[in-house]
């Protein structure tokens, strides 16, 4: 009984440790390039370093912030002083000058 409970507990921890947050614009314009940045947030008094998307058009279509089990484990082991994550920026293509923006 105790081994079964331990396996269930370990399984729940492994399955629940991945997270993904998505930010999508209201009217997406996909088909641009993708830029992936590995972020490392430290608990520092001077603030966090900025992560910049490498979009040649300066237009962003979607942003995804992901953490996996290893990143979550590092965050827990360092008591939140170090918080790694993966950030994906999906760039938007440049809208054409022709046509109308009315729907």
N, C-alpha and C. Protein backbone atom coordinates (compact mmCIF):
# COMPACT_ATOMS: atom_id res chain seq x y z
N UNK A 1 0.83 -1.20 0.00
CA UNK A 1 0.00 0.00 0.00
C UNK A 1 0.87 1.25 0.00
N UNK A 2 1.91 1.24 0.81
CA UNK A 2 2.78 2.41 0.91
C UNK A 2 3.56 2.63 -0.40
N UNK A 3 3.97 1.56 -1.05
CA UNK A 3 4.70 1.68 -2.31
C UNK A 3 3.79 2.23 -3.39
N UNK A 4 2.55 1.77 -3.40
CA UNK A 4 1.58 2.25 -4.39
C UNK A 4 1.32 3.75 -4.21
N UNK A 5 1.17 4.18 -2.97
CA UNK A 5 0.96 5.61 -2.70
C UNK A 5 2.18 6.42 -3.14
N UNK A 6 3.38 5.90 -2.90
CA UNK A 6 4.60 6.59 -3.31
C UNK A 6 4.68 6.72 -4.82
N UNK A 7 4.32 5.66 -5.54
CA UNK A 7 4.33 5.72 -6.99
C UNK A 7 3.31 6.73 -7.53
N UNK A 8 2.15 6.76 -6.94
CA UNK A 8 1.13 7.74 -7.35
C UNK A 8 1.61 9.15 -7.08
N UNK A 9 2.23 9.37 -5.93
CA UNK A 9 2.74 10.69 -5.59
C UNK A 9 3.84 11.13 -6.54
N UNK A 10 4.78 10.24 -6.84
CA UNK A 10 5.87 10.57 -7.76
C UNK A 10 5.30 10.83 -9.16
N UNK A 11 4.36 10.03 -9.59
CA UNK A 11 3.73 10.24 -10.89
C UNK A 11 3.01 11.57 -10.98
N UNK A 12 2.33 11.94 -9.93
CA UNK A 12 1.62 13.23 -9.92
C UNK A 12 2.60 14.39 -9.98
N UNK A 13 3.71 14.28 -9.28
CA UNK A 13 4.73 15.34 -9.31
C UNK A 13 5.34 15.45 -10.69
N UNK A 14 5.66 14.32 -11.32
CA UNK A 14 6.27 14.35 -12.64
C UNK A 14 5.33 14.89 -13.71
N UNK A 15 4.05 14.57 -13.62
CA UNK A 15 3.09 15.01 -14.63
C UNK A 15 2.65 16.46 -14.44
N UNK A 16 2.69 16.96 -13.22
CA UNK A 16 2.18 18.30 -12.97
C UNK A 16 3.25 19.38 -13.01
N UNK A 17 4.48 19.03 -13.30
CA UNK A 17 5.55 20.01 -13.19
C UNK A 17 5.79 20.80 -14.46
N UNK A 18 5.17 20.46 -15.55
CA UNK A 18 5.34 21.19 -16.79
C UNK A 18 4.26 22.26 -16.89
N UNK A 19 4.67 23.43 -17.34
CA UNK A 19 3.71 24.52 -17.48
C UNK A 19 3.98 25.27 -18.78
N UNK A 20 2.93 25.79 -19.37
CA UNK A 20 3.05 26.60 -20.57
C UNK A 20 2.07 27.76 -20.49
N UNK A 21 2.58 28.95 -20.71
CA UNK A 21 1.75 30.15 -20.74
C UNK A 21 1.83 30.72 -22.15
N UNK A 22 0.67 31.10 -22.71
CA UNK A 22 0.63 31.62 -24.07
C UNK A 22 0.00 33.00 -24.09
N UNK A 23 0.60 33.86 -24.89
CA UNK A 23 0.06 35.20 -25.14
C UNK A 23 -0.12 35.32 -26.64
N UNK A 24 -1.38 35.52 -27.07
CA UNK A 24 -1.68 35.58 -28.49
C UNK A 24 -2.38 36.91 -28.78
N UNK A 25 -2.02 37.52 -29.90
CA UNK A 25 -2.67 38.77 -30.27
C UNK A 25 -4.10 38.50 -30.73
N UNK A 26 -4.92 39.54 -30.73
CA UNK A 26 -6.33 39.36 -31.06
C UNK A 26 -6.54 38.94 -32.51
N UNK A 27 -5.80 39.53 -33.41
CA UNK A 27 -5.91 39.18 -34.82
C UNK A 27 -4.54 38.69 -35.29
N UNK A 28 -4.29 37.39 -35.19
CA UNK A 28 -2.95 36.88 -35.53
C UNK A 28 -2.62 37.01 -37.01
N UNK A 29 -1.34 37.17 -37.27
CA UNK A 29 -0.80 37.26 -38.62
C UNK A 29 0.41 36.33 -38.68
N UNK A 30 0.18 35.00 -38.68
CA UNK A 30 1.29 34.05 -38.52
C UNK A 30 2.19 33.95 -39.74
N UNK A 31 3.00 32.94 -39.76
CA UNK A 31 3.92 32.59 -40.84
C UNK A 31 5.24 33.35 -40.77
N UNK A 32 5.54 33.96 -39.64
CA UNK A 32 6.84 34.58 -39.47
C UNK A 32 7.82 33.61 -38.86
N UNK A 33 9.05 34.06 -38.62
CA UNK A 33 10.05 33.17 -38.04
C UNK A 33 9.83 33.01 -36.54
N UNK A 34 10.50 32.01 -35.95
CA UNK A 34 10.39 31.72 -34.53
C UNK A 34 11.73 32.01 -33.87
N UNK A 35 11.70 32.65 -32.70
CA UNK A 35 12.90 32.93 -31.93
C UNK A 35 12.74 32.30 -30.56
N UNK A 36 13.69 31.44 -30.17
CA UNK A 36 13.64 30.75 -28.88
C UNK A 36 14.73 31.32 -27.97
N UNK A 37 14.35 31.72 -26.77
CA UNK A 37 15.27 32.28 -25.80
C UNK A 37 15.19 31.45 -24.53
N UNK A 38 16.34 31.10 -23.96
CA UNK A 38 16.37 30.41 -22.68
C UNK A 38 16.62 31.45 -21.61
N UNK A 39 15.64 31.65 -20.76
CA UNK A 39 15.68 32.69 -19.74
C UNK A 39 16.11 32.10 -18.41
N UNK A 40 16.90 32.86 -17.67
CA UNK A 40 17.32 32.47 -16.34
C UNK A 40 17.07 33.65 -15.41
N UNK A 41 16.02 33.57 -14.63
CA UNK A 41 15.67 34.65 -13.72
C UNK A 41 16.33 34.40 -12.38
N UNK A 42 17.11 35.35 -11.93
CA UNK A 42 17.74 35.28 -10.61
C UNK A 42 17.04 36.27 -9.69
N UNK A 43 16.95 35.93 -8.44
CA UNK A 43 16.37 36.83 -7.45
C UNK A 43 17.44 37.85 -7.08
N UNK A 44 17.51 38.91 -7.82
CA UNK A 44 18.52 39.94 -7.61
C UNK A 44 17.85 41.28 -7.29
N UNK A 45 18.45 42.09 -6.46
CA UNK A 45 17.83 43.38 -6.13
C UNK A 45 17.85 44.37 -7.29
N UNK A 46 18.75 44.20 -8.26
CA UNK A 46 18.84 45.15 -9.36
C UNK A 46 17.86 44.87 -10.49
N UNK A 47 17.09 43.80 -10.41
CA UNK A 47 16.11 43.49 -11.44
C UNK A 47 16.55 42.36 -12.33
N UNK A 48 15.70 41.99 -13.25
CA UNK A 48 15.94 40.87 -14.14
C UNK A 48 16.50 41.36 -15.48
N UNK A 49 17.34 40.53 -16.12
CA UNK A 49 17.79 40.90 -17.47
C UNK A 49 16.63 40.81 -18.45
N UNK A 50 16.67 41.61 -19.49
CA UNK A 50 15.59 41.60 -20.47
C UNK A 50 15.89 40.61 -21.58
N UNK A 51 14.85 39.92 -22.01
CA UNK A 51 14.95 39.01 -23.14
C UNK A 51 14.30 39.69 -24.33
N UNK A 52 15.02 39.73 -25.45
CA UNK A 52 14.53 40.45 -26.62
C UNK A 52 14.27 39.46 -27.74
N UNK A 53 13.09 39.57 -28.35
CA UNK A 53 12.76 38.73 -29.49
C UNK A 53 13.54 39.22 -30.70
N UNK A 54 14.06 38.30 -31.48
CA UNK A 54 14.83 38.65 -32.67
C UNK A 54 13.92 38.58 -33.89
N UNK A 55 12.98 39.53 -33.97
CA UNK A 55 12.05 39.60 -35.10
C UNK A 55 12.47 40.73 -36.02
N UNK A 56 12.72 40.40 -37.27
CA UNK A 56 13.14 41.43 -38.21
C UNK A 56 12.02 42.41 -38.53
N UNK A 57 10.78 41.98 -38.35
CA UNK A 57 9.64 42.84 -38.66
C UNK A 57 9.23 43.69 -37.45
N UNK A 58 9.76 43.38 -36.26
CA UNK A 58 9.36 44.03 -35.00
C UNK A 58 7.89 43.82 -34.68
N UNK A 59 7.31 42.76 -35.23
CA UNK A 59 5.91 42.40 -34.98
C UNK A 59 5.87 41.01 -34.35
N UNK A 60 5.17 40.87 -33.23
CA UNK A 60 5.07 39.59 -32.55
C UNK A 60 3.65 39.06 -32.67
N UNK A 61 3.54 37.78 -33.03
CA UNK A 61 2.24 37.14 -33.19
C UNK A 61 1.85 36.36 -31.94
N UNK A 62 2.82 35.67 -31.32
CA UNK A 62 2.52 34.84 -30.16
C UNK A 62 3.78 34.70 -29.31
N UNK A 63 3.58 34.58 -27.99
CA UNK A 63 4.67 34.34 -27.05
C UNK A 63 4.28 33.15 -26.18
N UNK A 64 5.20 32.18 -26.03
CA UNK A 64 4.98 31.03 -25.17
C UNK A 64 6.11 30.95 -24.15
N UNK A 65 5.75 30.79 -22.89
CA UNK A 65 6.72 30.61 -21.81
C UNK A 65 6.52 29.21 -21.27
N UNK A 66 7.58 28.38 -21.33
CA UNK A 66 7.47 26.99 -20.92
C UNK A 66 8.47 26.67 -19.82
N UNK A 67 8.07 25.79 -18.91
CA UNK A 67 8.97 25.20 -17.93
C UNK A 67 8.75 23.70 -17.93
N UNK A 68 9.84 22.96 -17.76
CA UNK A 68 9.72 21.51 -17.71
C UNK A 68 10.06 21.03 -16.30
N UNK A 69 10.09 19.71 -16.12
CA UNK A 69 10.31 19.15 -14.79
C UNK A 69 11.67 19.56 -14.22
N UNK A 70 12.71 19.48 -15.05
CA UNK A 70 14.05 19.84 -14.57
C UNK A 70 14.14 21.30 -14.14
N UNK A 71 13.54 22.19 -14.92
CA UNK A 71 13.55 23.61 -14.58
C UNK A 71 12.77 23.86 -13.30
N UNK A 72 11.63 23.18 -13.13
CA UNK A 72 10.84 23.33 -11.91
C UNK A 72 11.59 22.79 -10.70
N UNK A 73 12.30 21.68 -10.88
CA UNK A 73 13.07 21.09 -9.79
C UNK A 73 14.20 22.02 -9.35
N UNK A 74 14.88 22.64 -10.31
CA UNK A 74 15.93 23.60 -9.97
C UNK A 74 15.36 24.78 -9.21
N UNK A 75 14.18 25.25 -9.61
CA UNK A 75 13.53 26.36 -8.90
C UNK A 75 13.22 25.98 -7.46
N UNK A 76 12.73 24.77 -7.25
CA UNK A 76 12.40 24.32 -5.90
C UNK A 76 13.66 24.14 -5.06
N UNK A 77 14.69 23.52 -5.65
CA UNK A 77 15.92 23.26 -4.90
C UNK A 77 16.66 24.54 -4.51
N UNK A 78 16.54 25.59 -5.31
CA UNK A 78 17.19 26.87 -4.99
C UNK A 78 16.25 27.81 -4.25
N UNK A 79 15.11 27.29 -3.81
CA UNK A 79 14.10 28.07 -3.08
C UNK A 79 13.64 29.31 -3.85
N UNK A 80 13.61 29.21 -5.16
CA UNK A 80 13.11 30.29 -6.00
C UNK A 80 14.13 31.35 -6.35
N UNK A 81 15.40 31.18 -5.94
CA UNK A 81 16.41 32.17 -6.27
C UNK A 81 16.82 32.09 -7.74
N UNK A 82 16.68 30.93 -8.34
CA UNK A 82 17.01 30.72 -9.75
C UNK A 82 15.81 30.07 -10.43
N UNK A 83 15.29 30.72 -11.47
CA UNK A 83 14.07 30.24 -12.12
C UNK A 83 14.28 30.18 -13.64
N UNK A 84 14.74 29.03 -14.16
CA UNK A 84 14.92 28.92 -15.61
C UNK A 84 13.59 28.68 -16.33
N UNK A 85 13.51 29.14 -17.56
CA UNK A 85 12.33 28.93 -18.40
C UNK A 85 12.75 29.06 -19.86
N UNK A 86 11.91 28.56 -20.75
CA UNK A 86 12.13 28.69 -22.19
C UNK A 86 11.04 29.59 -22.75
N UNK A 87 11.45 30.62 -23.49
CA UNK A 87 10.50 31.57 -24.06
C UNK A 87 10.58 31.48 -25.58
N UNK A 88 9.42 31.27 -26.22
CA UNK A 88 9.34 31.21 -27.67
C UNK A 88 8.57 32.43 -28.17
N UNK A 89 9.18 33.17 -29.10
CA UNK A 89 8.53 34.30 -29.74
C UNK A 89 8.21 33.89 -31.17
N UNK A 90 6.97 34.04 -31.57
CA UNK A 90 6.56 33.77 -32.94
C UNK A 90 6.33 35.12 -33.61
N UNK A 91 7.18 35.43 -34.55
CA UNK A 91 7.10 36.72 -35.22
C UNK A 91 5.97 36.71 -36.25
N UNK A 92 5.37 37.86 -36.46
CA UNK A 92 4.30 38.01 -37.45
C UNK A 92 4.91 38.49 -38.75
N UNK A 93 4.28 38.12 -39.84
CA UNK A 93 4.75 38.61 -41.13
C UNK A 93 4.26 40.04 -41.32
N UNK A 94 4.92 40.75 -42.17
CA UNK A 94 4.56 42.13 -42.44
C UNK A 94 3.24 42.15 -43.21
N UNK A 95 2.25 42.92 -42.73
CA UNK A 95 0.98 42.96 -43.46
C UNK A 95 1.16 43.65 -44.81
N UNK A 96 0.41 43.18 -45.78
CA UNK A 96 0.49 43.80 -47.11
C UNK A 96 -0.19 45.15 -47.10
N UNK A 97 0.26 46.04 -47.94
CA UNK A 97 -0.31 47.37 -48.00
C UNK A 97 -1.62 47.42 -48.75
N UNK A 98 -1.97 46.34 -49.44
CA UNK A 98 -3.19 46.33 -50.24
C UNK A 98 -4.36 45.79 -49.42
N UNK A 99 -5.54 46.16 -49.78
CA UNK A 99 -6.73 45.62 -49.14
C UNK A 99 -7.25 46.53 -48.05
N UNK A 100 -8.16 45.99 -47.26
CA UNK A 100 -8.82 46.77 -46.23
C UNK A 100 -8.68 46.04 -44.89
N UNK A 101 -8.69 46.81 -43.82
CA UNK A 101 -8.64 46.21 -42.49
C UNK A 101 -10.03 46.00 -41.92
N UNK A 102 -11.07 46.42 -42.64
CA UNK A 102 -12.44 46.21 -42.19
C UNK A 102 -12.82 44.75 -42.34
N UNK A 103 -13.65 44.27 -41.41
CA UNK A 103 -14.09 42.88 -41.47
C UNK A 103 -15.52 42.79 -41.91
